[in-house]
Amino acid sequence: MTEQILEEMIKHGAELKASITDQTRQLREINLGLEKALEFNGKKSTSVTAAGFNVKVAKRDNVKWNQKRLTEIREHFSDTFNESFRTEFKPIAKALANADPEFTKAIDWCRTIKAGAPTVTYESLEEL
């Protein structure tokens, strides 16, 4: 790949990234405005037809669980707790990196790794 093509790709990628970031911000503002403007009547979603579009707006709640508190209540409500929550195993990278080779081999047997899209960061040299 020539240096000119590489430079063109980087320049175009940086322009797209800036545009997408701005458009994402604008869309979020519009979506929040729609949520405020529409009547939900106690429901989590509503819809409206306007400007030639059928639009559905659903309210979302982001929930974060306090793991320490859950561990504490699990002791008192073990049966109900175990029926209400699934166990999910999340690896600790540092511990796996230092683990026994036989354990590491067994863990490797349990996982599938698929290549994902690369993370690319654009930092303008003019802004430095």
Protein backbone atom coordinates (compact mmCIF):
# COMPACT_ATOMS: atom_id res chain seq x y z
CA MET A 1 0.00 0.00 0.00
CA THR A 2 1.42 3.35 -0.97
CA GLU A 3 1.94 6.11 1.56
CA GLN A 4 -0.51 8.33 -0.35
CA ILE A 5 -3.30 5.73 -0.11
CA LEU A 6 -2.55 5.21 3.59
CA GLU A 7 -2.71 8.96 4.22
CA GLU A 8 -6.00 9.25 2.29
CA MET A 9 -7.52 6.39 4.29
CA ILE A 10 -6.42 7.93 7.60
CA LYS A 11 -7.67 11.40 6.67
CA HIS A 12 -11.03 10.05 5.48
CA GLY A 13 -11.32 7.81 8.57
CA ALA A 14 -10.67 10.75 10.88
CA GLU A 15 -13.27 12.87 9.07
CA LEU A 16 -15.85 10.07 9.28
CA LYS A 17 -15.11 9.52 12.98
CA ALA A 18 -15.62 13.22 13.75
CA SER A 19 -18.85 13.29 11.73
CA ILE A 20 -20.21 10.11 13.33
CA THR A 21 -19.40 11.38 16.83
CA ASP A 22 -21.24 14.64 16.15
CA GLN A 23 -24.19 12.90 14.51
CA THR A 24 -24.45 10.43 17.42
CA ARG A 25 -24.56 13.37 19.86
CA GLN A 26 -27.26 15.09 17.78
CA LEU A 27 -29.34 11.90 17.52
CA ARG A 28 -29.14 11.40 21.28
CA GLU A 29 -30.41 14.94 21.84
CA ILE A 30 -33.28 14.36 19.38
CA ASN A 31 -34.19 11.02 21.03
CA LEU A 32 -34.19 12.60 24.50
CA GLY A 33 -36.37 15.43 23.14
CA LEU A 34 -38.84 12.91 21.70
CA GLU A 35 -38.97 11.08 25.02
CA LYS A 36 -39.81 14.35 26.82
CA ALA A 37 -42.32 15.48 24.21
CA LEU A 38 -44.40 12.29 23.99
CA GLU A 39 -46.97 10.93 26.44
CA PHE A 40 -46.24 7.46 27.82
CA ASN A 41 -49.33 7.12 30.09
CA GLY A 42 -47.43 5.00 32.61
CA LYS A 43 -46.03 2.66 29.95
CA LYS A 44 -42.43 2.05 28.93
CA SER A 45 -43.05 2.73 25.23
CA THR A 46 -45.22 4.84 22.97
CA SER A 47 -45.51 5.56 19.30
CA VAL A 48 -46.39 8.47 17.07
CA THR A 49 -46.91 8.99 13.36
CA ALA A 50 -45.50 12.25 12.04
CA ALA A 51 -43.47 13.64 9.13
CA GLY A 52 -44.16 10.47 7.15
CA PHE A 53 -42.70 8.12 9.79
CA ASN A 54 -44.10 5.70 12.35
CA VAL A 55 -41.86 6.26 15.36
CA LYS A 56 -41.71 4.07 18.46
CA VAL A 57 -39.95 5.42 21.55
CA ALA A 58 -39.07 3.05 24.38
CA LYS A 59 -37.79 4.27 27.75
CA ARG A 60 -34.71 2.44 28.98
CA ASP A 61 -33.27 1.95 32.42
CA ASN A 62 -29.60 1.08 32.83
CA VAL A 63 -29.24 -1.15 35.89
CA LYS A 64 -26.00 -1.77 37.72
CA TRP A 65 -25.95 -4.39 40.46
CA ASN A 66 -23.89 -3.96 43.62
CA GLN A 67 -22.11 -7.31 43.76
CA LYS A 68 -21.05 -6.94 47.39
CA ARG A 69 -24.63 -6.31 48.54
CA LEU A 70 -25.93 -9.20 46.44
CA THR A 71 -23.41 -11.50 48.11
CA GLU A 72 -24.68 -10.36 51.51
CA ILE A 73 -28.37 -11.01 50.76
CA ARG A 74 -27.54 -14.32 49.08
CA GLU A 75 -26.56 -15.68 52.50
CA HIS A 76 -30.06 -14.95 53.90
CA PHE A 77 -32.17 -15.89 50.86
CA SER A 78 -30.08 -18.60 49.21
CA ASP A 79 -32.92 -20.67 47.66
CA THR A 80 -34.87 -17.72 46.32
CA PHE A 81 -31.67 -15.97 45.31
CA ASN A 82 -30.41 -18.96 43.33
CA GLU A 83 -33.78 -19.27 41.56
CA SER A 84 -33.73 -15.56 40.66
CA PHE A 85 -30.15 -15.07 39.46
CA ARG A 86 -27.97 -16.91 36.94
CA THR A 87 -24.32 -17.42 37.59
CA GLU A 88 -22.08 -15.92 34.93
CA PHE A 89 -18.37 -16.58 34.91
CA LYS A 90 -16.22 -13.56 34.13
CA PRO A 91 -12.48 -14.18 33.87
CA ILE A 92 -9.90 -12.15 35.71
CA ALA A 93 -7.23 -11.56 33.06
CA LYS A 94 -4.36 -11.11 35.52
CA ALA A 95 -5.19 -14.34 37.36
CA LEU A 96 -5.49 -16.28 34.09
CA ALA A 97 -2.17 -14.93 32.85
CA ASN A 98 -0.43 -16.33 35.94
CA ALA A 99 -2.43 -19.56 36.18
CA ASP A 100 -1.13 -23.13 36.12
CA PRO A 101 -0.57 -24.27 32.49
CA GLU A 102 -2.95 -27.23 32.89
CA PHE A 103 -5.69 -24.89 34.14
CA THR A 104 -5.00 -22.48 31.27
CA LYS A 105 -5.34 -25.34 28.78
CA ALA A 106 -8.69 -26.33 30.30
CA ILE A 107 -9.91 -22.72 30.17
CA ASP A 108 -8.82 -22.43 26.52
CA TRP A 109 -11.01 -25.46 25.79
CA CYS A 110 -14.02 -23.53 27.17
CA ARG A 111 -13.74 -20.41 25.06
CA THR A 112 -14.13 -19.34 21.48
CA ILE A 113 -12.26 -16.32 20.20
CA LYS A 114 -13.49 -14.48 17.12
CA ALA A 115 -11.61 -11.61 15.55
CA GLY A 116 -13.43 -8.34 16.07
CA ALA A 117 -13.20 -5.01 14.34
CA PRO A 118 -10.05 -3.11 15.25
CA THR A 119 -10.19 -0.11 17.53
CA VAL A 120 -8.71 2.91 15.77
CA THR A 121 -8.12 6.26 17.45
CA TYR A 122 -7.56 9.41 15.43
CA GLU A 123 -5.65 12.25 17.07
CA SER A 124 -5.02 15.34 14.98
CA LEU A 125 -1.44 16.52 15.07
CA GLU A 126 -2.71 20.08 14.60
CA GLU A 127 -4.53 19.92 17.96
CA LEU A 128 -1.44 18.81 19.91
